[in-house]
């Protein structure tokens, strides 16, 4: 479909505003003022659109990378476990071989599942070019949760902040059941699938981003509270008293989120916004929620 930018000559598209002015001034036959203004206006609109597209591409790259990094770490960890159990499968002890073969079968299924998730992320990122939060909202709109305050009932939990939130609940439960049915490993601890862990760099980056958001919100609330203390509002007005109590409650919640954030250990899961650090107070169950939607969810995801 043609756009207004098609009228902008290609030789002007990569020029800066200053370079465009010099190029127009250097024309052997000067343009009429209306034509010159049209080119300048088209050039400015082209640059604004290009900047917007570049920002969108940066958002896409960064947000999908935050999902892929923990997933890649989990894939490497699983491959290490596969190598270990392959060595045990060559044991001369029949019990050890049988136990290793069971673990290898389930680990292979887990590997295949993660590969499917990687391919799906690539398709959403490179073909559909949607942000993770946009795709999570779309899937949750198609499959409304039975309990809006319980992440476990969402098609994509926690707005898709971690890769473990994306597989449908039925698939997650099936895989966890298979791991739970495996015999205990001879050495070390059991492996649990869909562990919500972050890499060190990603954890530090997210914690810093949440800290800045919390500090900004706290500064805004403290500024509002100071206005009550300086007499800007009437303390005898019940409406102003209600507003003050509400600001104080919000500030208390922000300070609590700050304490929870810095009580986290490196690698612990962190939400996309500081509101996710606070515990939910109550649950509301949606009437008519059916567990039979799991098959549709699986088809939708894969």
Protein backbone atom coordinates (compact mmCIF):
# COMPACT_ATOMS: atom_id res chain seq x y z
CA UNK A 1 0.00 0.00 0.00
CA UNK A 2 1.53 3.37 -0.97
CA UNK A 3 2.32 5.76 1.86
CA UNK A 4 3.05 9.50 1.95
CA UNK A 5 6.72 8.59 2.34
CA UNK A 6 6.73 7.25 -1.23
CA UNK A 7 6.59 10.88 -2.38
CA UNK A 8 9.87 11.61 -0.57
CA UNK A 9 12.76 11.09 -3.02
CA UNK A 10 15.04 8.25 -1.80
CA UNK A 11 18.12 10.48 -2.00
CA UNK A 12 16.72 12.58 0.86
CA UNK A 13 15.71 9.74 3.21
CA UNK A 14 19.08 9.10 4.85
CA UNK A 15 19.95 12.77 5.29
CA UNK A 16 19.78 14.62 8.56
CA UNK A 17 17.69 17.76 8.89
CA UNK A 18 20.78 19.92 8.42
CA UNK A 19 21.97 17.91 5.43
CA UNK A 20 18.52 18.12 3.83
CA UNK A 21 18.53 21.91 4.14
CA UNK A 22 21.97 22.06 2.49
CA UNK A 23 20.87 19.73 -0.32
CA UNK A 24 17.77 21.80 -1.05
CA UNK A 25 19.77 25.01 -0.99
CA UNK A 26 22.27 23.50 -3.47
CA UNK A 27 19.66 22.67 -6.11
CA UNK A 28 20.39 24.44 -9.44
CA UNK A 29 16.72 25.38 -9.72
CA UNK A 30 15.31 26.39 -6.30
CA UNK A 31 12.06 24.78 -5.28
CA UNK A 32 8.98 26.82 -4.72
CA UNK A 33 8.25 27.39 -1.00
CA UNK A 34 5.21 25.02 -0.94
CA UNK A 35 7.23 22.19 -2.56
CA UNK A 36 10.15 22.76 -0.21
CA UNK A 37 7.90 22.72 2.86
CA UNK A 38 6.27 19.51 1.61
CA UNK A 39 9.65 17.75 1.30
CA UNK A 40 10.72 18.97 4.75
CA UNK A 41 7.42 17.80 6.24
CA UNK A 42 7.68 14.37 4.57
CA UNK A 43 11.29 14.07 5.71
CA UNK A 44 10.37 14.87 9.32
CA UNK A 45 7.49 12.34 9.26
CA UNK A 46 9.77 9.69 7.72
CA UNK A 47 12.41 10.20 10.43
CA UNK A 48 9.78 10.07 13.20
CA UNK A 49 8.37 6.81 11.86
CA UNK A 50 11.86 5.36 11.50
CA UNK A 51 12.67 6.28 15.10
CA UNK A 52 9.43 4.71 16.32
CA UNK A 53 10.15 1.50 14.40
CA UNK A 54 13.68 1.36 15.81
CA UNK A 55 12.36 1.75 19.37
CA UNK A 56 9.83 -1.00 18.71
CA UNK A 57 12.57 -3.31 17.42
CA UNK A 58 14.68 -2.61 20.52
CA UNK A 59 11.70 -3.45 22.73
CA UNK A 60 11.07 -6.68 20.85
CA UNK A 61 14.70 -7.74 21.03
CA UNK A 62 15.15 -6.95 24.71
CA UNK A 63 11.91 -8.44 25.99
CA UNK A 64 12.17 -11.68 24.03
CA UNK A 65 15.83 -11.98 25.07
CA UNK A 66 14.76 -11.80 28.71
CA UNK A 67 12.53 -14.81 28.08
CA UNK A 68 15.12 -16.77 26.10
CA UNK A 69 18.08 -16.38 28.47
CA UNK A 70 16.64 -18.44 31.39
CA UNK A 71 15.25 -20.94 28.87
CA UNK A 72 18.68 -21.35 27.27
CA UNK A 73 20.21 -21.85 30.73
CA UNK A 74 17.64 -24.57 31.47
CA UNK A 75 18.39 -26.30 28.18
CA UNK A 76 22.10 -26.40 28.98
CA UNK A 77 21.35 -27.74 32.45
CA UNK A 78 19.12 -30.50 31.05
CA UNK A 79 21.77 -31.50 28.50
CA UNK A 80 24.23 -31.88 31.38
CA UNK A 81 21.77 -34.19 33.13
CA UNK A 82 21.29 -36.19 29.92
CA UNK A 83 25.04 -36.71 29.64
CA UNK A 84 25.15 -37.91 33.24
CA UNK A 85 22.33 -40.43 32.81
CA UNK A 86 23.75 -41.70 29.55
CA UNK A 87 26.86 -42.69 31.45
CA UNK A 88 24.73 -44.42 34.09
CA UNK A 89 22.82 -46.25 31.35
CA UNK A 90 26.06 -48.05 30.46
CA UNK A 91 26.40 -49.40 33.99
CA UNK A 92 26.71 -53.15 34.52
CA UNK A 93 24.12 -52.95 37.33
CA UNK A 94 20.62 -53.66 35.90
CA UNK A 95 18.83 -51.46 38.48
CA UNK A 96 21.05 -48.48 37.66
CA UNK A 97 20.51 -48.96 33.92
CA UNK A 98 16.74 -49.16 34.32
CA UNK A 99 16.65 -46.03 36.48
CA UNK A 100 18.84 -44.11 34.02
CA UNK A 101 16.70 -45.12 31.03
CA UNK A 102 13.56 -43.84 32.75
CA UNK A 103 15.23 -40.50 33.47
CA UNK A 104 16.55 -40.24 29.90
CA UNK A 105 13.07 -40.80 28.43
CA UNK A 106 11.48 -38.02 30.50
CA UNK A 107 14.42 -35.64 30.02
CA UNK A 108 14.13 -36.15 26.25
CA UNK A 109 10.43 -35.18 26.38
CA UNK A 110 11.36 -32.11 28.42
CA UNK A 111 14.02 -31.16 25.85
CA UNK A 112 11.51 -31.50 22.99
CA UNK A 113 9.02 -29.32 24.88
CA UNK A 114 11.61 -26.57 25.40
CA UNK A 115 12.58 -26.70 21.72
CA UNK A 116 8.92 -26.16 20.80
CA UNK A 117 8.79 -23.18 23.14
CA UNK A 118 11.90 -21.70 21.50
CA UNK A 119 10.36 -22.09 18.03
CA UNK A 120 7.13 -20.50 19.21
CA UNK A 121 9.00 -17.55 20.74
CA UNK A 122 10.92 -17.08 17.47
CA UNK A 123 7.69 -17.09 15.47
CA UNK A 124 6.00 -14.52 17.73
CA UNK A 125 9.13 -12.37 17.77
CA UNK A 126 10.28 -12.46 14.14
CA UNK A 127 7.11 -13.21 12.19
CA UNK A 128 4.26 -11.69 14.20
CA UNK A 129 6.53 -9.05 15.78
CA UNK A 130 4.50 -8.78 18.99
CA UNK A 131 5.77 -8.11 22.51
CA UNK A 132 5.51 -10.91 25.08
CA UNK A 133 3.02 -8.89 27.13
CA UNK A 134 0.85 -8.30 24.04
CA UNK A 135 0.82 -12.01 23.16
CA UNK A 136 0.10 -12.99 26.76
CA UNK A 137 -2.84 -10.58 26.86
CA UNK A 138 -4.16 -12.00 23.57
CA UNK A 139 -4.00 -15.62 24.77
CA UNK A 140 -5.54 -14.78 28.14
CA UNK A 141 -8.38 -12.95 26.38
CA UNK A 142 -9.13 -16.08 24.35
CA UNK A 143 -9.03 -18.29 27.46
CA UNK A 144 -10.35 -16.26 30.46
CA UNK A 145 -9.00 -17.47 33.81
CA UNK A 146 -11.24 -19.18 36.34
CA UNK A 147 -9.76 -17.05 39.12
CA UNK A 148 -8.45 -13.64 38.10
CA UNK A 149 -6.25 -13.32 41.20
CA UNK A 150 -4.75 -16.81 40.95
CA UNK A 151 -1.89 -16.98 38.39
CA UNK A 152 -2.26 -20.77 38.11
CA UNK A 153 -5.65 -20.38 36.37
CA UNK A 154 -4.36 -18.09 33.62
CA UNK A 155 -3.54 -19.40 30.14
CA UNK A 156 -0.27 -17.43 30.41
CA UNK A 157 0.65 -16.80 34.04
CA UNK A 158 2.12 -13.55 35.40
CA UNK A 159 1.65 -11.78 32.06
CA UNK A 160 4.34 -14.04 30.57
CA UNK A 161 7.32 -12.59 32.46
CA UNK A 162 9.17 -15.97 32.57
CA UNK A 163 9.38 -18.75 29.98
CA UNK A 164 7.81 -21.24 32.42
CA UNK A 165 4.58 -19.20 32.33
CA UNK A 166 3.92 -19.92 28.64
CA UNK A 167 3.20 -23.67 28.35
CA UNK A 168 -0.51 -24.43 28.90
CA UNK A 169 -1.34 -25.54 32.47
CA UNK A 170 -2.30 -29.05 31.30
CA UNK A 171 1.11 -29.56 29.66
CA UNK A 172 2.94 -28.21 32.71
CA UNK A 173 1.01 -30.53 35.02
CA UNK A 174 1.64 -33.56 32.80
CA UNK A 175 5.38 -32.92 32.67
CA UNK A 176 5.61 -32.35 36.43
CA UNK A 177 3.71 -35.58 37.05
CA UNK A 178 6.18 -37.50 34.89
CA UNK A 179 9.14 -36.10 36.83
CA UNK A 180 7.49 -36.86 40.16
CA UNK A 181 6.95 -40.47 39.09
CA UNK A 182 10.67 -41.01 38.40
CA UNK A 183 12.80 -42.93 40.91
CA UNK A 184 15.17 -40.94 43.12
CA UNK A 185 18.59 -40.33 41.55
CA UNK A 186 21.47 -42.29 43.08
CA UNK A 187 23.34 -39.08 43.90
CA UNK A 188 22.36 -35.45 44.18
CA UNK A 189 18.89 -33.93 44.35
CA UNK A 190 15.93 -34.42 42.09
CA UNK A 191 15.43 -32.20 39.06
CA UNK A 192 12.17 -30.27 38.95
CA UNK A 193 10.87 -29.01 35.59
CA UNK A 194 9.83 -25.42 34.96
CA UNK A 195 12.00 -23.96 37.70
CA UNK A 196 11.54 -20.19 37.77
CA UNK A 197 15.15 -19.07 37.90
CA UNK A 198 16.89 -16.06 36.39
CA UNK A 199 20.47 -15.75 35.24
CA UNK A 200 22.65 -13.51 37.44
CA UNK A 201 22.83 -10.67 34.88
CA UNK A 202 19.10 -10.76 34.17
CA UNK A 203 18.28 -10.87 37.89
CA UNK A 204 20.48 -7.83 38.61
CA UNK A 205 19.03 -5.89 35.67
CA UNK A 206 15.44 -6.60 36.69
CA UNK A 207 16.09 -5.81 40.33
CA UNK A 208 17.66 -2.49 39.40
CA UNK A 209 14.72 -1.64 37.14
CA UNK A 210 12.24 -2.51 39.89
CA UNK A 211 14.26 -0.49 42.44
CA UNK A 212 14.12 2.61 40.23
CA UNK A 213 10.37 2.20 39.74
CA UNK A 214 9.82 1.77 43.50
CA UNK A 215 11.97 4.81 44.35
CA UNK A 216 10.10 6.94 41.81
CA UNK A 217 6.70 5.86 43.16
CA UNK A 218 7.81 6.40 46.77
CA UNK A 219 9.10 9.91 45.98
CA UNK A 220 5.79 10.80 44.33
CA UNK A 221 3.76 9.53 47.30
CA UNK A 222 6.00 11.27 49.84
CA UNK A 223 5.55 14.52 47.91
CA UNK A 224 1.77 14.10 48.07
CA UNK A 225 1.98 13.33 51.79
CA UNK A 226 4.08 16.42 52.45
CA UNK A 227 1.30 18.57 51.00
CA UNK A 228 -1.04 17.30 53.69
CA UNK A 229 1.53 18.15 56.39
CA UNK A 230 2.10 21.69 55.12
CA UNK A 231 -1.56 22.66 55.38
CA UNK A 232 -2.43 22.62 51.69
CA UNK A 233 -5.41 20.41 52.52
CA UNK A 234 -8.01 20.95 55.25
CA UNK A 235 -7.44 18.31 57.99
CA UNK A 236 -11.07 18.63 59.11
CA UNK A 237 -12.44 17.70 55.70
CA UNK A 238 -13.32 14.00 55.72
CA UNK A 239 -12.56 13.76 51.98
CA UNK A 240 -9.04 15.09 52.51
CA UNK A 241 -8.61 12.74 55.47
CA UNK A 242 -9.60 9.81 53.26
CA UNK A 243 -7.12 10.92 50.57
CA UNK A 244 -4.35 11.15 53.18
CA UNK A 245 -5.08 7.65 54.51
CA UNK A 246 -5.07 6.28 50.98
CA UNK A 247 -1.69 7.85 50.18
CA UNK A 248 -0.26 6.50 53.45
CA UNK A 249 -1.53 3.00 52.60
CA UNK A 250 0.01 3.22 49.13
CA UNK A 251 3.33 4.36 50.58
CA UNK A 252 3.27 1.48 53.05
CA UNK A 253 2.71 -0.95 50.16
CA UNK A 254 5.60 0.56 48.20
CA UNK A 255 7.95 0.26 51.19
CA UNK A 256 6.85 -3.34 51.68
CA UNK A 257 7.59 -4.09 48.01
CA UNK A 258 11.06 -2.56 48.50
CA UNK A 259 11.76 -4.86 51.46
CA UNK A 260 10.52 -7.92 49.56
CA UNK A 261 12.65 -7.03 46.55
CA UNK A 262 15.91 -6.86 48.49
CA UNK A 263 15.08 -10.01 50.45
CA UNK A 264 15.27 -11.98 47.19
CA UNK A 265 18.30 -14.17 46.52
CA UNK A 266 20.18 -14.03 43.23
CA UNK A 267 18.31 -16.05 40.64
CA UNK A 268 14.93 -15.89 42.37
CA UNK A 269 11.98 -15.01 40.11
CA UNK A 270 11.09 -11.33 39.85
CA UNK A 271 7.86 -9.90 38.40
CA UNK A 272 7.72 -7.41 35.56
CA UNK A 273 6.39 -4.62 37.84
CA UNK A 274 6.81 -3.91 41.54
CA UNK A 275 3.09 -4.55 42.14
CA UNK A 276 3.78 -8.24 41.50
CA UNK A 277 6.01 -8.36 44.59
CA UNK A 278 3.03 -7.82 46.89
CA UNK A 279 0.96 -10.84 48.00
CA UNK A 280 -2.62 -11.17 46.79
CA UNK A 281 -5.22 -10.53 49.48
CA UNK A 282 -8.27 -12.38 48.18
CA UNK A 283 -9.45 -14.59 45.33
CA UNK A 284 -12.52 -14.37 43.14
CA UNK A 285 -13.58 -17.47 41.24
CA UNK A 286 -15.16 -16.98 37.86
CA UNK A 287 -18.38 -19.01 37.65
CA UNK A 288 -18.60 -21.54 34.87
CA UNK A 289 -14.83 -22.10 34.55
CA UNK A 290 -14.36 -25.41 32.77
CA UNK A 291 -11.25 -27.62 32.99
CA UNK A 292 -12.12 -29.06 29.58
CA UNK A 293 -10.55 -26.05 27.83
CA UNK A 294 -7.08 -27.58 28.17
CA UNK A 295 -7.20 -29.34 24.78
CA UNK A 296 -8.05 -26.07 23.04
CA UNK A 297 -5.20 -24.38 24.91
CA UNK A 298 -2.70 -26.99 23.73
CA UNK A 299 -3.77 -26.59 20.10
CA UNK A 300 -3.62 -22.80 20.41
CA UNK A 301 -0.08 -22.88 21.80
CA UNK A 302 1.43 -25.46 19.46
